N, C-alpha and C. Protein backbone atom coordinates (compact mmCIF):
# COMPACT_ATOMS: atom_id res chain seq x y z
N MET A 1 128.05 103.10 60.13
CA MET A 1 128.28 102.25 61.31
C MET A 1 128.19 100.78 60.89
N SER A 2 129.13 99.98 61.34
CA SER A 2 129.17 98.58 60.97
C SER A 2 128.11 97.78 61.70
N ASP A 3 127.88 96.52 61.21
CA ASP A 3 126.91 95.64 61.87
C ASP A 3 127.30 95.35 63.30
N THR A 4 128.61 95.23 63.54
CA THR A 4 129.10 94.96 64.90
C THR A 4 128.78 96.11 65.83
N GLU A 5 128.95 97.34 65.32
CA GLU A 5 128.66 98.51 66.14
C GLU A 5 127.16 98.61 66.42
N HIS A 6 126.33 98.29 65.39
CA HIS A 6 124.88 98.28 65.59
C HIS A 6 124.49 97.28 66.68
N ALA A 7 125.10 96.09 66.64
CA ALA A 7 124.81 95.07 67.63
C ALA A 7 125.20 95.52 69.02
N THR A 8 126.34 96.21 69.12
CA THR A 8 126.81 96.69 70.41
C THR A 8 125.88 97.73 70.98
N VAL A 9 125.44 98.67 70.10
CA VAL A 9 124.51 99.71 70.54
C VAL A 9 123.19 99.10 70.98
N GLY A 10 122.71 98.09 70.21
CA GLY A 10 121.46 97.43 70.57
C GLY A 10 121.57 96.71 71.89
N ALA A 11 122.71 96.07 72.15
CA ALA A 11 122.91 95.36 73.41
C ALA A 11 122.92 96.32 74.58
N VAL A 12 123.55 97.47 74.39
CA VAL A 12 123.59 98.47 75.45
C VAL A 12 122.20 99.00 75.74
N ALA A 13 121.41 99.21 74.64
CA ALA A 13 120.06 99.74 74.82
C ALA A 13 119.16 98.74 75.54
N ASP A 14 119.45 97.44 75.37
CA ASP A 14 118.62 96.41 75.98
C ASP A 14 118.91 96.20 77.45
N VAL A 15 120.03 96.69 77.92
CA VAL A 15 120.44 96.44 79.30
C VAL A 15 119.41 96.94 80.31
N PRO A 16 118.92 98.19 80.22
CA PRO A 16 117.95 98.65 81.21
C PRO A 16 116.70 97.78 81.27
N ILE A 17 116.17 97.34 80.11
CA ILE A 17 114.99 96.49 80.09
C ILE A 17 115.28 95.15 80.76
N ARG A 18 116.44 94.60 80.46
CA ARG A 18 116.81 93.32 81.09
C ARG A 18 116.94 93.48 82.59
N GLN A 19 117.49 94.62 83.01
CA GLN A 19 117.61 94.87 84.44
C GLN A 19 116.24 94.99 85.09
N ARG A 20 115.31 95.65 84.39
CA ARG A 20 113.95 95.77 84.94
C ARG A 20 113.30 94.40 85.08
N TYR A 21 113.46 93.57 84.08
CA TYR A 21 112.89 92.23 84.16
C TYR A 21 113.57 91.40 85.25
N ALA A 22 114.88 91.56 85.39
CA ALA A 22 115.59 90.83 86.44
C ALA A 22 115.08 91.25 87.82
N ARG A 23 114.90 92.55 88.00
CA ARG A 23 114.38 93.04 89.28
C ARG A 23 112.94 92.59 89.50
N ALA A 24 112.15 92.62 88.42
CA ALA A 24 110.75 92.19 88.54
C ALA A 24 110.67 90.71 88.89
N ILE A 25 111.49 89.89 88.24
CA ILE A 25 111.49 88.46 88.54
C ILE A 25 111.92 88.20 89.98
N ALA A 26 112.94 88.93 90.43
CA ALA A 26 113.40 88.78 91.82
C ALA A 26 112.28 89.16 92.80
N ALA A 27 111.58 90.26 92.49
CA ALA A 27 110.48 90.69 93.36
C ALA A 27 109.35 89.68 93.37
N ILE A 28 109.05 89.08 92.21
CA ILE A 28 107.99 88.08 92.14
C ILE A 28 108.37 86.83 92.91
N VAL A 29 109.64 86.41 92.79
CA VAL A 29 110.09 85.22 93.52
C VAL A 29 109.97 85.43 95.02
N ILE A 30 110.41 86.60 95.49
CA ILE A 30 110.29 86.92 96.91
C ILE A 30 108.82 86.98 97.32
N GLY A 31 108.01 87.62 96.46
CA GLY A 31 106.58 87.72 96.76
C GLY A 31 105.91 86.36 96.82
N LEU A 32 106.30 85.46 95.91
CA LEU A 32 105.73 84.11 95.92
C LEU A 32 106.11 83.35 97.18
N ALA A 33 107.35 83.55 97.62
CA ALA A 33 107.79 82.89 98.86
C ALA A 33 106.96 83.38 100.05
N LEU A 34 106.77 84.71 100.13
CA LEU A 34 105.95 85.27 101.21
C LEU A 34 104.50 84.84 101.07
N PHE A 35 104.02 84.79 99.84
CA PHE A 35 102.65 84.35 99.58
C PHE A 35 102.45 82.92 100.05
N GLY A 36 103.40 82.04 99.69
CA GLY A 36 103.29 80.64 100.09
C GLY A 36 103.29 80.46 101.59
N PHE A 37 104.06 81.31 102.28
CA PHE A 37 104.11 81.22 103.74
C PHE A 37 102.83 81.76 104.36
N ALA A 38 102.36 82.91 103.86
CA ALA A 38 101.17 83.54 104.44
C ALA A 38 99.92 82.71 104.20
N PHE A 39 99.86 82.05 103.06
CA PHE A 39 98.65 81.29 102.70
C PHE A 39 98.95 79.80 102.61
N ARG A 40 99.82 79.34 103.47
CA ARG A 40 100.21 77.92 103.45
C ARG A 40 99.01 77.02 103.74
N SER A 41 98.08 77.48 104.57
CA SER A 41 96.90 76.67 104.88
C SER A 41 96.04 76.49 103.63
N GLU A 42 95.82 77.57 102.87
CA GLU A 42 95.03 77.48 101.65
C GLU A 42 95.71 76.59 100.61
N VAL A 43 97.03 76.74 100.49
CA VAL A 43 97.79 75.96 99.51
C VAL A 43 97.75 74.47 99.87
N SER A 44 98.02 74.15 101.12
CA SER A 44 98.05 72.74 101.53
C SER A 44 96.67 72.10 101.40
N HIS A 45 95.63 72.86 101.73
CA HIS A 45 94.27 72.32 101.60
C HIS A 45 93.94 72.05 100.14
N ALA A 46 94.34 72.95 99.26
CA ALA A 46 94.08 72.75 97.83
C ALA A 46 94.77 71.49 97.32
N ILE A 47 96.02 71.29 97.70
CA ILE A 47 96.77 70.12 97.24
C ILE A 47 96.13 68.84 97.77
N LYS A 48 95.67 68.87 99.01
CA LYS A 48 95.00 67.70 99.57
C LYS A 48 93.73 67.36 98.79
N VAL A 49 93.00 68.39 98.37
CA VAL A 49 91.79 68.16 97.58
C VAL A 49 92.15 67.58 96.22
N TRP A 50 93.22 68.10 95.59
CA TRP A 50 93.66 67.56 94.29
C TRP A 50 93.92 66.06 94.40
N ILE A 51 94.58 65.67 95.50
CA ILE A 51 94.97 64.27 95.68
C ILE A 51 93.76 63.40 96.01
N ALA A 52 92.87 63.92 96.85
CA ALA A 52 91.78 63.10 97.36
C ALA A 52 90.59 63.00 96.41
N SER A 53 90.36 64.01 95.60
CA SER A 53 89.16 64.05 94.76
C SER A 53 89.50 63.91 93.29
N THR A 54 88.82 62.98 92.62
CA THR A 54 89.04 62.82 91.18
C THR A 54 88.47 63.99 90.39
N ALA A 55 87.62 64.81 91.03
CA ALA A 55 87.06 65.97 90.34
C ALA A 55 88.10 67.06 90.12
N TYR A 56 89.21 66.99 90.87
CA TYR A 56 90.19 68.06 90.80
C TYR A 56 91.60 67.56 90.50
N ASP A 57 91.76 66.29 90.11
CA ASP A 57 93.11 65.82 89.84
C ASP A 57 93.72 66.46 88.60
N HIS A 58 92.86 67.10 87.76
CA HIS A 58 93.41 67.82 86.61
C HIS A 58 94.16 69.08 87.02
N CYS A 59 93.97 69.52 88.28
CA CYS A 59 94.65 70.73 88.75
C CYS A 59 96.16 70.59 88.73
N PHE A 60 96.66 69.35 88.78
CA PHE A 60 98.11 69.15 88.69
C PHE A 60 98.66 69.59 87.34
N LEU A 61 97.78 69.69 86.33
CA LEU A 61 98.22 70.10 84.99
C LEU A 61 98.17 71.61 84.79
N VAL A 62 97.56 72.33 85.73
CA VAL A 62 97.34 73.76 85.53
C VAL A 62 98.65 74.54 85.46
N LEU A 63 99.56 74.29 86.38
CA LEU A 63 100.84 75.01 86.37
C LEU A 63 101.63 74.75 85.10
N PRO A 64 101.80 73.48 84.67
CA PRO A 64 102.51 73.27 83.39
C PRO A 64 101.81 73.94 82.21
N ILE A 65 100.48 73.91 82.19
CA ILE A 65 99.75 74.55 81.09
C ILE A 65 99.96 76.06 81.11
N ALA A 66 99.87 76.67 82.30
CA ALA A 66 100.08 78.11 82.41
C ALA A 66 101.51 78.48 81.99
N ALA A 67 102.48 77.65 82.38
CA ALA A 67 103.87 77.92 81.98
C ALA A 67 104.02 77.83 80.46
N TRP A 68 103.35 76.83 79.86
CA TRP A 68 103.42 76.70 78.41
C TRP A 68 102.76 77.88 77.71
N LEU A 69 101.61 78.33 78.22
CA LEU A 69 100.93 79.49 77.65
C LEU A 69 101.82 80.73 77.73
N PHE A 70 102.53 80.88 78.84
CA PHE A 70 103.44 82.01 79.01
C PHE A 70 104.55 81.93 77.97
N TRP A 71 105.14 80.75 77.83
CA TRP A 71 106.22 80.57 76.86
C TRP A 71 105.73 80.80 75.43
N ASP A 72 104.53 80.34 75.14
CA ASP A 72 103.98 80.49 73.79
C ASP A 72 103.71 81.95 73.45
N ARG A 73 103.51 82.79 74.48
CA ARG A 73 103.22 84.20 74.27
C ARG A 73 104.39 85.11 74.61
N ARG A 74 105.56 84.55 74.77
CA ARG A 74 106.72 85.33 75.18
C ARG A 74 107.05 86.46 74.20
N TYR A 75 106.72 86.29 72.91
CA TYR A 75 107.03 87.32 71.92
C TYR A 75 106.31 88.62 72.22
N ARG A 76 105.20 88.57 72.98
CA ARG A 76 104.45 89.77 73.31
C ARG A 76 105.22 90.70 74.24
N LEU A 77 106.27 90.19 74.85
CA LEU A 77 107.05 91.00 75.79
C LEU A 77 108.23 91.69 75.12
N ASP A 78 108.40 91.49 73.82
CA ASP A 78 109.59 92.01 73.15
C ASP A 78 109.76 93.52 73.31
N ARG A 79 108.69 94.27 73.21
CA ARG A 79 108.79 95.73 73.28
C ARG A 79 108.16 96.30 74.55
N LEU A 80 107.96 95.45 75.52
CA LEU A 80 107.36 95.89 76.78
C LEU A 80 108.38 95.85 77.90
N SER A 81 108.22 96.77 78.81
CA SER A 81 109.12 96.82 79.97
C SER A 81 108.28 96.84 81.23
N PRO A 82 108.63 96.04 82.23
CA PRO A 82 107.85 96.05 83.48
C PRO A 82 107.96 97.38 84.21
N GLN A 83 106.84 97.86 84.68
CA GLN A 83 106.78 99.11 85.42
C GLN A 83 105.95 98.89 86.68
N PRO A 84 106.48 99.22 87.84
CA PRO A 84 105.69 99.06 89.07
C PRO A 84 104.36 99.80 88.99
N PHE A 85 103.33 99.20 89.56
CA PHE A 85 101.99 99.76 89.48
C PHE A 85 101.44 99.88 90.90
N PRO A 86 101.65 101.03 91.55
CA PRO A 86 101.24 101.21 92.96
C PRO A 86 99.75 101.04 93.20
N LEU A 87 98.91 101.29 92.18
CA LEU A 87 97.46 101.19 92.38
C LEU A 87 97.02 99.75 92.65
N ALA A 88 97.91 98.79 92.46
CA ALA A 88 97.58 97.40 92.78
C ALA A 88 97.47 97.19 94.29
N ILE A 89 98.08 98.08 95.08
CA ILE A 89 98.07 97.92 96.53
C ILE A 89 96.66 98.05 97.11
N PRO A 90 95.91 99.12 96.79
CA PRO A 90 94.53 99.17 97.32
C PRO A 90 93.65 98.04 96.79
N LEU A 91 93.93 97.58 95.57
CA LEU A 91 93.17 96.45 95.03
C LEU A 91 93.45 95.19 95.85
N ALA A 92 94.72 95.00 96.22
CA ALA A 92 95.07 93.86 97.07
C ALA A 92 94.39 93.97 98.43
N ALA A 93 94.25 95.20 98.94
CA ALA A 93 93.59 95.41 100.23
C ALA A 93 92.13 94.97 100.17
N VAL A 94 91.48 95.23 99.04
CA VAL A 94 90.09 94.81 98.87
C VAL A 94 89.98 93.29 98.93
N PHE A 95 90.88 92.60 98.22
CA PHE A 95 90.86 91.14 98.23
C PHE A 95 91.24 90.59 99.61
N ALA A 96 92.08 91.33 100.34
CA ALA A 96 92.42 90.91 101.71
C ALA A 96 91.18 90.96 102.61
N ILE A 97 90.34 91.97 102.40
CA ILE A 97 89.09 92.07 103.16
C ILE A 97 88.17 90.89 102.82
N VAL A 98 88.11 90.55 101.51
CA VAL A 98 87.31 89.40 101.09
C VAL A 98 87.83 88.13 101.74
N TRP A 99 89.16 87.97 101.78
CA TRP A 99 89.75 86.80 102.43
C TRP A 99 89.36 86.75 103.90
N PHE A 100 89.41 87.90 104.57
CA PHE A 100 89.08 87.95 105.99
C PHE A 100 87.62 87.54 106.22
N LEU A 101 86.72 88.04 105.37
CA LEU A 101 85.31 87.68 105.51
C LEU A 101 85.11 86.19 105.28
N ALA A 102 85.79 85.64 104.26
CA ALA A 102 85.67 84.20 103.99
C ALA A 102 86.24 83.38 105.15
N GLN A 103 87.30 83.89 105.75
CA GLN A 103 87.90 83.19 106.89
C GLN A 103 86.95 83.19 108.09
N ARG A 104 86.29 84.32 108.30
CA ARG A 104 85.35 84.40 109.42
C ARG A 104 84.13 83.51 109.18
N LEU A 105 83.74 83.36 107.92
CA LEU A 105 82.58 82.54 107.58
C LEU A 105 82.94 81.06 107.44
N GLY A 106 84.23 80.76 107.45
CA GLY A 106 84.67 79.38 107.34
C GLY A 106 84.54 78.81 105.93
N VAL A 107 84.67 79.67 104.92
CA VAL A 107 84.54 79.23 103.52
C VAL A 107 85.93 79.13 102.92
N MET A 108 86.46 77.91 102.83
CA MET A 108 87.82 77.72 102.33
C MET A 108 87.96 78.13 100.87
N GLU A 109 86.95 77.82 100.07
CA GLU A 109 87.01 78.19 98.66
C GLU A 109 87.12 79.70 98.50
N GLY A 110 86.38 80.44 99.34
CA GLY A 110 86.46 81.90 99.30
C GLY A 110 87.84 82.38 99.68
N ARG A 111 88.44 81.77 100.68
CA ARG A 111 89.79 82.14 101.08
C ARG A 111 90.79 81.87 99.97
N GLN A 112 90.64 80.73 99.31
CA GLN A 112 91.56 80.37 98.24
C GLN A 112 91.41 81.29 97.03
N LEU A 113 90.18 81.62 96.67
CA LEU A 113 89.95 82.52 95.54
C LEU A 113 90.47 83.92 95.85
N ALA A 114 90.27 84.38 97.08
CA ALA A 114 90.77 85.69 97.47
C ALA A 114 92.30 85.71 97.46
N ALA A 115 92.90 84.61 97.93
CA ALA A 115 94.37 84.51 97.92
C ALA A 115 94.90 84.53 96.48
N MET A 116 94.23 83.82 95.58
CA MET A 116 94.66 83.83 94.18
C MET A 116 94.50 85.22 93.58
N ALA A 117 93.43 85.92 93.95
CA ALA A 117 93.24 87.29 93.47
C ALA A 117 94.37 88.19 93.97
N MET A 118 94.80 87.99 95.20
CA MET A 118 95.92 88.77 95.72
C MET A 118 97.22 88.42 95.00
N LEU A 119 97.37 87.17 94.60
CA LEU A 119 98.53 86.79 93.80
C LEU A 119 98.51 87.53 92.46
N GLN A 120 97.33 87.67 91.88
CA GLN A 120 97.21 88.41 90.62
C GLN A 120 97.59 89.88 90.82
N THR A 121 97.21 90.46 91.94
CA THR A 121 97.59 91.85 92.19
C THR A 121 99.09 91.99 92.40
N LEU A 122 99.73 90.95 92.95
CA LEU A 122 101.18 90.96 93.07
C LEU A 122 101.82 91.04 91.69
N LEU A 123 101.35 90.19 90.77
CA LEU A 123 101.88 90.21 89.41
C LEU A 123 101.61 91.54 88.73
N LEU A 124 100.40 92.07 88.92
CA LEU A 124 100.04 93.35 88.32
C LEU A 124 100.89 94.48 88.90
N GLY A 125 101.08 94.46 90.20
CA GLY A 125 101.83 95.52 90.85
C GLY A 125 103.30 95.53 90.48
N VAL A 126 103.88 94.35 90.29
CA VAL A 126 105.31 94.26 89.97
C VAL A 126 105.56 94.50 88.48
N LEU A 127 104.73 93.92 87.64
CA LEU A 127 104.96 93.98 86.19
C LEU A 127 104.33 95.19 85.52
N GLY A 128 103.26 95.70 86.09
CA GLY A 128 102.56 96.82 85.47
C GLY A 128 101.45 96.35 84.55
N PRO A 129 100.50 97.24 84.24
CA PRO A 129 99.33 96.84 83.43
C PRO A 129 99.67 96.32 82.04
N ARG A 130 100.65 96.92 81.37
CA ARG A 130 100.93 96.53 79.99
C ARG A 130 101.48 95.10 79.92
N VAL A 131 102.43 94.79 80.77
CA VAL A 131 103.01 93.44 80.77
C VAL A 131 101.97 92.44 81.28
N TYR A 132 101.24 92.82 82.31
CA TYR A 132 100.22 91.91 82.84
C TYR A 132 99.16 91.61 81.78
N ARG A 133 98.74 92.65 81.05
CA ARG A 133 97.73 92.46 80.01
C ARG A 133 98.25 91.54 78.90
N ALA A 134 99.52 91.68 78.58
CA ALA A 134 100.11 90.83 77.54
C ALA A 134 100.12 89.36 77.95
N MET A 135 100.21 89.10 79.24
CA MET A 135 100.28 87.73 79.74
C MET A 135 99.06 87.37 80.59
N ILE A 136 97.95 88.03 80.31
CA ILE A 136 96.78 87.82 81.15
C ILE A 136 96.23 86.40 81.05
N ALA A 137 96.39 85.75 79.88
CA ALA A 137 95.88 84.39 79.70
C ALA A 137 96.54 83.40 80.66
N PRO A 138 97.88 83.27 80.67
CA PRO A 138 98.49 82.33 81.62
C PRO A 138 98.31 82.74 83.07
N PHE A 139 98.25 84.06 83.33
CA PHE A 139 98.09 84.50 84.71
C PHE A 139 96.70 84.13 85.24
N LEU A 140 95.66 84.43 84.48
CA LEU A 140 94.31 84.13 84.95
C LEU A 140 94.02 82.64 84.94
N TYR A 141 94.73 81.89 84.10
CA TYR A 141 94.53 80.43 84.07
C TYR A 141 94.90 79.81 85.42
N LEU A 142 95.72 80.50 86.18
CA LEU A 142 96.11 79.99 87.50
C LEU A 142 94.92 79.87 88.45
N PHE A 143 93.82 80.53 88.15
CA PHE A 143 92.64 80.41 89.00
C PHE A 143 92.12 78.97 89.03
N PHE A 144 92.44 78.19 88.00
CA PHE A 144 92.01 76.80 87.99
C PHE A 144 92.79 75.95 88.99
N LEU A 145 93.78 76.54 89.65
CA LEU A 145 94.45 75.84 90.75
C LEU A 145 93.54 75.73 91.96
N VAL A 146 92.56 76.61 92.03
CA VAL A 146 91.64 76.63 93.17
C VAL A 146 90.56 75.57 92.96
N PRO A 147 90.43 74.61 93.86
CA PRO A 147 89.40 73.56 93.70
C PRO A 147 88.02 74.07 94.08
N PHE A 148 87.47 74.93 93.24
CA PHE A 148 86.17 75.52 93.53
C PHE A 148 85.07 74.72 92.84
N GLY A 149 83.85 74.95 93.26
CA GLY A 149 82.69 74.30 92.64
C GLY A 149 82.04 73.24 93.48
N GLY A 150 82.61 72.93 94.64
CA GLY A 150 82.01 71.90 95.49
C GLY A 150 80.59 72.21 95.91
N PHE A 151 80.28 73.52 96.01
CA PHE A 151 78.93 73.92 96.42
C PHE A 151 77.88 73.57 95.36
N LEU A 152 78.35 73.24 94.15
CA LEU A 152 77.42 72.91 93.07
C LEU A 152 76.92 71.46 93.13
N VAL A 153 77.57 70.63 93.94
CA VAL A 153 77.25 69.20 93.96
C VAL A 153 75.78 68.92 94.26
N PRO A 154 75.17 69.51 95.30
CA PRO A 154 73.75 69.23 95.55
C PRO A 154 72.85 69.58 94.36
N ALA A 155 73.11 70.74 93.74
CA ALA A 155 72.30 71.15 92.59
C ALA A 155 72.51 70.20 91.41
N LEU A 156 73.75 69.76 91.22
CA LEU A 156 74.03 68.83 90.13
C LEU A 156 73.40 67.46 90.39
N GLN A 157 73.41 67.03 91.65
CA GLN A 157 72.75 65.77 92.00
C GLN A 157 71.26 65.84 91.71
N HIS A 158 70.66 66.97 92.08
CA HIS A 158 69.22 67.15 91.83
C HIS A 158 68.93 67.15 90.34
N PHE A 159 69.76 67.85 89.58
CA PHE A 159 69.57 67.89 88.12
C PHE A 159 69.70 66.49 87.52
N THR A 160 70.72 65.74 87.95
CA THR A 160 70.93 64.38 87.42
C THR A 160 69.76 63.48 87.78
N THR A 161 69.25 63.62 89.00
CA THR A 161 68.10 62.81 89.42
C THR A 161 66.87 63.10 88.56
N GLU A 162 66.59 64.40 88.38
CA GLU A 162 65.44 64.78 87.57
C GLU A 162 65.60 64.35 86.12
N PHE A 163 66.81 64.48 85.61
CA PHE A 163 67.07 64.09 84.21
C PHE A 163 66.84 62.60 84.03
N ALA A 164 67.37 61.80 84.98
CA ALA A 164 67.19 60.35 84.88
C ALA A 164 65.73 59.96 85.02
N ALA A 165 65.02 60.63 85.93
CA ALA A 165 63.61 60.31 86.15
C ALA A 165 62.78 60.64 84.90
N ARG A 166 63.03 61.78 84.30
CA ARG A 166 62.31 62.15 83.08
C ARG A 166 62.63 61.19 81.93
N GLY A 167 63.87 60.72 81.90
CA GLY A 167 64.24 59.75 80.88
C GLY A 167 63.48 58.44 81.06
N LEU A 168 63.30 58.04 82.31
CA LEU A 168 62.54 56.82 82.59
C LEU A 168 61.08 56.98 82.18
N VAL A 169 60.55 58.19 82.40
CA VAL A 169 59.16 58.45 81.99
C VAL A 169 59.03 58.34 80.48
N VAL A 170 59.99 58.90 79.75
CA VAL A 170 59.96 58.83 78.29
C VAL A 170 60.01 57.38 77.83
N LEU A 171 60.78 56.55 78.54
CA LEU A 171 60.89 55.14 78.19
C LEU A 171 59.72 54.30 78.69
N GLY A 172 58.83 54.93 79.43
CA GLY A 172 57.66 54.22 79.93
C GLY A 172 57.93 53.38 81.16
N VAL A 173 58.97 53.73 81.91
CA VAL A 173 59.32 52.99 83.13
C VAL A 173 58.74 53.73 84.33
N PRO A 174 57.79 53.15 85.05
CA PRO A 174 57.24 53.81 86.25
C PRO A 174 58.34 54.01 87.29
N ASN A 175 58.36 55.19 87.92
CA ASN A 175 59.39 55.47 88.92
C ASN A 175 58.85 56.43 89.96
N PHE A 176 59.51 56.39 91.09
CA PHE A 176 59.18 57.31 92.19
C PHE A 176 60.46 57.95 92.67
N VAL A 177 60.45 59.29 92.75
CA VAL A 177 61.65 60.04 93.14
C VAL A 177 61.48 60.55 94.55
N HIS A 178 62.47 60.26 95.36
CA HIS A 178 62.49 60.78 96.73
C HIS A 178 63.90 61.32 97.00
N GLY A 179 64.01 62.64 97.02
CA GLY A 179 65.33 63.24 97.20
C GLY A 179 66.22 62.92 96.02
N ASN A 180 67.35 62.28 96.28
CA ASN A 180 68.28 61.87 95.22
C ASN A 180 68.17 60.38 94.92
N GLU A 181 67.05 59.79 95.32
CA GLU A 181 66.83 58.37 95.07
C GLU A 181 65.70 58.16 94.06
N ILE A 182 65.90 57.20 93.17
CA ILE A 182 64.90 56.85 92.18
C ILE A 182 64.50 55.39 92.40
N GLU A 183 63.23 55.19 92.65
CA GLU A 183 62.73 53.84 92.92
C GLU A 183 61.94 53.33 91.72
N ILE A 184 62.36 52.16 91.22
CA ILE A 184 61.63 51.49 90.14
C ILE A 184 61.34 50.07 90.60
N ALA A 185 60.66 49.30 89.78
CA ALA A 185 60.26 47.95 90.17
C ALA A 185 61.46 47.07 90.49
N GLN A 186 62.57 47.30 89.79
CA GLN A 186 63.75 46.45 89.98
C GLN A 186 64.58 46.83 91.21
N GLY A 187 64.28 47.98 91.83
CA GLY A 187 65.05 48.37 93.01
C GLY A 187 65.14 49.88 93.14
N THR A 188 65.91 50.31 94.11
CA THR A 188 66.10 51.73 94.39
C THR A 188 67.53 52.14 94.03
N PHE A 189 67.65 53.22 93.34
CA PHE A 189 68.95 53.71 92.90
C PHE A 189 69.16 55.13 93.42
N ARG A 190 70.35 55.36 93.96
CA ARG A 190 70.66 56.67 94.53
C ARG A 190 71.69 57.38 93.66
N ILE A 191 71.42 58.64 93.38
CA ILE A 191 72.38 59.47 92.63
C ILE A 191 73.41 59.99 93.63
N ALA A 192 74.58 59.37 93.64
CA ALA A 192 75.64 59.75 94.59
C ALA A 192 76.34 61.01 94.11
N GLN A 193 77.18 61.56 94.98
CA GLN A 193 77.93 62.77 94.63
C GLN A 193 78.82 62.53 93.42
N ALA A 194 79.37 61.31 93.33
CA ALA A 194 80.26 61.01 92.20
C ALA A 194 79.51 61.01 90.87
N CYS A 195 78.18 60.84 90.94
CA CYS A 195 77.36 60.82 89.72
C CYS A 195 76.85 62.21 89.35
N ALA A 196 77.21 63.23 90.14
CA ALA A 196 76.65 64.55 89.92
C ALA A 196 77.22 65.23 88.68
N GLY A 197 78.38 64.79 88.23
CA GLY A 197 78.98 65.37 87.03
C GLY A 197 79.95 66.49 87.29
N LEU A 198 80.31 66.73 88.57
CA LEU A 198 81.22 67.83 88.88
C LEU A 198 82.58 67.63 88.24
N ARG A 199 83.06 66.37 88.26
CA ARG A 199 84.38 66.10 87.68
C ARG A 199 84.41 66.50 86.21
N PHE A 200 83.40 66.09 85.48
CA PHE A 200 83.35 66.43 84.06
C PHE A 200 83.21 67.93 83.86
N LEU A 201 82.35 68.56 84.66
CA LEU A 201 82.06 69.99 84.49
C LEU A 201 83.30 70.84 84.71
N ILE A 202 83.99 70.63 85.83
CA ILE A 202 85.15 71.45 86.15
C ILE A 202 86.28 71.23 85.15
N ALA A 203 86.57 69.96 84.85
CA ALA A 203 87.64 69.67 83.89
C ALA A 203 87.28 70.19 82.50
N ALA A 204 86.01 70.07 82.12
CA ALA A 204 85.58 70.54 80.80
C ALA A 204 85.74 72.05 80.68
N ILE A 205 85.43 72.78 81.75
CA ILE A 205 85.60 74.24 81.72
C ILE A 205 87.08 74.59 81.58
N ALA A 206 87.93 73.92 82.36
CA ALA A 206 89.37 74.21 82.32
C ALA A 206 89.95 73.96 80.93
N PHE A 207 89.60 72.85 80.33
CA PHE A 207 90.18 72.52 79.03
C PHE A 207 89.47 73.25 77.89
N SER A 208 88.22 73.67 78.10
CA SER A 208 87.55 74.50 77.11
C SER A 208 88.20 75.88 77.05
N VAL A 209 88.54 76.42 78.21
CA VAL A 209 89.25 77.70 78.25
C VAL A 209 90.61 77.58 77.57
N LEU A 210 91.32 76.48 77.82
CA LEU A 210 92.60 76.26 77.19
C LEU A 210 92.44 76.20 75.65
N TYR A 211 91.43 75.47 75.21
CA TYR A 211 91.20 75.36 73.77
C TYR A 211 90.90 76.72 73.16
N SER A 212 90.09 77.53 73.87
CA SER A 212 89.75 78.86 73.35
C SER A 212 90.98 79.76 73.24
N LEU A 213 91.97 79.51 74.08
CA LEU A 213 93.20 80.31 74.05
C LEU A 213 94.14 79.88 72.93
N LEU A 214 93.89 78.70 72.37
CA LEU A 214 94.79 78.17 71.34
C LEU A 214 94.29 78.43 69.93
N ILE A 215 92.99 78.75 69.81
CA ILE A 215 92.46 78.95 68.45
C ILE A 215 92.52 80.42 68.07
């Protein structure tokens, strides 16, 4: 058989896989459109937080990074074919219950995390476990789109206050701590939310995960 005939046979053999991927991509696009409509409140709130808070402005980079990670790992799909995974449906139902509980409790972060988990089940259900596992890094990186961690601010403020106060003691500077305020002879200083370190913590985790995926 000539090289041309081999190429023709190979192209014919690849058609079903290409068709499966085309159908999977179409299903994901439709699913994303429905997802965006169903969870438009969560999406719009997240974007508003990205814009308003410097602690989460790095979230604008998450989608490009996830897309790059997907492209960098595209070779892993060479011998894989998407297969529908019906067991993702009950898993999505569990996350829907979590979303409902978060909605009843008024916890937006919980709603957003549950919505992102349901998005993951959409990808798992359409692509199947093998394809999803091959691309699990860019898929799970999408969780950094959720502006979570705001509940840590009070604890971080307390930690920063105690750290600064202990540092003053080491330096021999008399001080008095009341809540998030440190009083010394020169005046009173308050550890504000912006000083809590949330911006550094969240961004550092996101880019540390990215670095771990590259080495």
